[in-house]
Amino acid sequence: MSDLVVIVYPTEARAEEMRQKLIGLQKEYLIEIGDAAIAVMHEGGKVKLNQLLNTTALGAVSGSFWGLLIGAIFLMPIFGAALGAASGALGGALTDYGIDDKFMKDLAGSLQPGNAALFVLVKKVTGDKVLEALRGTGGTVLKTSLDRSQEQKLRDALADAHAAAPAPDAAPAPQGTGAPSPVG
């Protein structure tokens, strides 16, 4: 079962930075992301979606390969590739993987102009390590499908700017003599 998390950031650049951070955590096998999209509210109320996968381009590449292969069988490889690319692009444009585009646009409609919402569909997560990596990064949780305790932990981690960096006036921990202490 996947969980949806939507976090609002003040700029599109900050939302993209956080998406790249999550992708980095995925490379460390700490999180498995099904989809990660950014919705930006522009002046005039227009919402722009910046998705992780471009299904139109993916469909065109796949379609041109299959069109070329089938066209080669019928001795018309160029025509087959062109027809395959066009049909693949059309199929890709009509396909929607991950988070529903209409849902993202509707939810992003409540943002202030210039703000960006990071939509993340999480398949699996090592919660404590990911929360530690996100600690103090900012952002406001707009919506989740997490239970209340998990959602509160996420809110606390994002807002916990003090835990991200040690206090400047904190005294260093006392150092021991290096001698082992007797046991028993």
Foldseek 3Di string as FASTA:
>chain_A
DKKKWKWKDQAPVLLVVVVVLVVVVVVVVQFDWQWKKKWAQAPPQDIDIGTPDQLLQVQLVVQLVVQQVVCVVVVRNVVRSVVRNVVRNVVSVPDDGDDDPVVLSVLCSPDDHRMMMMMTITDDHPLVVVLQSQACSATDTDDMPDPPVSVVSNRNRNNRNPVVDDDPPDDDDDDDPPDDDDDD
